[in-house]
Protein backbone atom coordinates (compact mmCIF):
# COMPACT_ATOMS: atom_id res chain seq x y z
CA MET A 1 0.00 0.00 0.00
CA SER A 2 1.42 3.38 -0.96
CA TRP A 3 1.49 6.40 1.27
CA TYR A 4 -0.30 9.65 0.41
CA PRO A 5 -0.54 12.91 2.37
CA SER A 6 -3.44 13.58 4.70
CA PHE A 7 -5.10 16.99 5.08
CA LYS A 8 -6.67 17.51 8.50
CA LEU A 9 -8.33 20.67 9.77
CA TYR A 10 -8.00 21.38 13.49
CA ASN A 11 -9.35 24.11 15.77
CA SER A 12 -7.14 27.16 16.38
CA SER A 13 -5.34 25.50 19.29
CA GLY A 14 -4.57 22.41 17.19
CA THR A 15 -6.13 20.00 19.67
CA SER A 16 -9.52 19.03 18.18
CA LEU A 17 -9.96 17.57 14.72
CA ILE A 18 -12.69 19.54 12.92
CA TYR A 19 -12.67 17.92 9.48
CA HIS A 20 -10.57 15.37 7.59
CA ILE A 21 -10.27 16.55 3.98
CA GLU A 22 -10.09 13.32 2.01
CA TYR A 23 -9.32 12.58 -1.63
CA VAL A 24 -7.44 15.80 -2.41
CA ILE A 25 -6.57 15.70 -6.11
CA THR A 26 -4.60 18.93 -6.59
CA THR A 27 -3.22 21.66 -4.37
CA ASN A 28 -0.80 24.57 -4.61
CA TYR A 29 0.90 23.47 -1.37
CA PRO A 30 3.75 24.07 -0.62
CA GLU A 31 3.90 27.69 -1.61
CA ASP A 32 6.78 29.90 -0.57
CA ASN A 33 5.60 33.46 0.04
CA PRO A 34 8.24 35.34 2.05
CA SER A 35 7.93 38.99 2.98
CA SER A 36 10.70 41.52 3.55
CA VAL A 37 10.97 45.24 4.17
CA VAL A 38 13.73 47.10 2.31
CA ILE A 39 14.98 50.28 3.99
CA THR A 40 16.86 52.74 1.77
CA ASN A 41 17.65 56.44 1.84
CA LEU A 42 18.26 59.11 -0.79
CA ARG A 43 22.04 59.41 -0.22
CA SER A 44 23.11 55.79 -0.60
CA SER A 45 22.81 53.12 -3.20
CA LYS A 46 22.48 50.34 -0.68
CA GLY A 47 19.69 49.21 1.59
CA ILE A 48 18.89 47.09 4.60
CA VAL A 49 16.62 44.09 4.18
CA VAL A 50 14.53 43.25 7.23
CA PRO A 51 12.86 39.84 7.03
CA GLY A 52 9.17 40.16 7.79
CA GLY A 53 7.83 36.61 7.84
CA ASP A 54 5.44 35.10 5.33
CA ASN A 55 2.72 36.88 3.39
CA PRO A 56 -0.80 35.46 3.38
CA TYR A 57 -1.74 33.54 0.24
CA ASP A 58 -4.61 31.48 -1.14
CA LEU A 59 -4.15 27.78 -0.38
CA ARG A 60 -6.32 25.87 -2.84
CA LEU A 61 -7.43 22.27 -2.46
CA ARG A 62 -9.37 20.50 -5.18
CA GLY A 63 -10.81 17.14 -4.32
CA VAL A 64 -13.69 14.75 -4.64
CA LEU A 65 -16.33 13.51 -2.24
CA ILE A 66 -17.27 9.87 -2.78
CA GLY A 67 -20.57 8.49 -1.48
CA THR A 68 -22.37 5.19 -1.66
CA ASP A 69 -25.47 6.85 -3.16
CA TYR A 70 -27.05 10.28 -3.66
CA THR A 71 -28.23 10.59 -0.03
CA ASP A 72 -24.81 9.70 1.40
CA LEU A 73 -23.09 12.12 -0.97
CA GLN A 74 -25.47 14.96 -0.10
CA SER A 75 -24.84 14.27 3.59
CA GLN A 76 -21.07 14.58 2.99
CA ILE A 77 -21.59 17.90 1.17
CA ASP A 78 -23.70 19.24 4.04
CA THR A 79 -21.12 18.06 6.61
CA MET A 80 -18.29 19.80 4.74
CA LYS A 81 -20.25 23.05 4.47
CA SER A 82 -21.27 23.06 8.15
CA SER A 83 -17.90 21.91 9.55
CA ILE A 84 -15.62 24.37 7.77
CA GLU A 85 -17.03 27.71 8.90
CA TYR A 86 -16.49 31.15 7.38
CA ASN A 87 -14.03 33.55 9.04
CA THR A 88 -12.91 30.99 11.61
CA SER A 89 -9.27 30.39 12.51
CA TYR A 90 -8.06 26.84 11.91
CA ILE A 91 -4.80 24.92 11.75
CA LEU A 92 -4.43 22.79 8.64
CA LYS A 93 -2.04 19.88 9.23
CA ILE A 94 -0.61 18.36 6.06
CA ASP A 95 1.46 15.19 6.14
CA THR A 96 4.84 15.65 4.50
CA SER A 97 5.97 12.07 5.17
CA PRO A 98 4.58 9.11 7.13
CA SER A 99 6.05 10.59 10.33
CA THR A 100 6.13 14.40 9.81
CA GLN A 101 3.62 17.13 9.03
CA ASP A 102 3.38 20.87 8.37
CA SER A 103 0.95 23.09 10.24
CA ILE A 104 -0.49 26.16 8.50
CA ASN A 105 -2.73 28.79 10.08
CA VAL A 106 -5.72 29.16 7.75
CA THR A 107 -9.11 30.85 7.50
CA ARG A 108 -11.87 30.15 4.96
CA ILE A 109 -12.93 33.46 3.45
CA SER A 110 -14.47 32.26 0.19
CA PRO A 111 -17.27 29.82 -0.63
CA ILE A 112 -16.70 26.13 -1.25
CA ILE A 113 -17.20 25.58 -4.98
CA PHE A 114 -19.06 22.41 -5.91
CA GLU A 115 -18.62 21.78 -9.61
CA GLU A 116 -21.65 21.01 -11.72
CA GLY A 117 -22.47 17.34 -11.87
CA ARG A 118 -25.19 14.77 -11.37
CA ARG A 119 -24.12 13.99 -7.79
CA THR A 120 -24.93 10.33 -8.08
CA LYS A 121 -21.87 9.01 -6.22
CA THR A 122 -19.11 11.63 -6.66
CA GLN A 123 -18.86 15.40 -6.33
CA TYR A 124 -15.79 17.48 -7.16
CA TYR A 125 -15.12 20.55 -5.03
CA SER A 126 -12.66 23.43 -4.70
CA LEU A 127 -11.82 24.67 -1.22
CA THR A 128 -9.73 27.82 -0.75
CA PHE A 129 -8.21 28.98 2.52
CA LEU A 130 -6.28 32.15 3.27
CA ALA A 131 -3.01 30.74 4.61
CA ASN A 132 -0.83 32.62 7.12
CA SER A 133 -3.92 34.64 7.95
CA TRP A 134 -3.68 34.75 11.73
């Protein structure tokens, strides 16, 4: 059996699992978005670079919900929508190997996009978080 990364959403203290995001197909993680402040003056041609941390960025996850039938699939859609609340601080833990993981502070500030489909047993979705947002 091969290993694949897991995406788990925890509360802001990182202690309670809120939602396990399964079957992620594509993502823009990891994204490097450093921030710096450059201080210059009019008399010199040099400057001082002060590291300022990481800028916020959109962390996109595209995945699929898989149900046994229409009712089960609709239940999964409703659970996703009610579990991942708007403007709430979360910690997204992403496995980087079988024994290590990254933790990213995220907030959902845009709607979950459910692509058009018949919703018989599968439903594709796009979930976007604002990473480094708190």
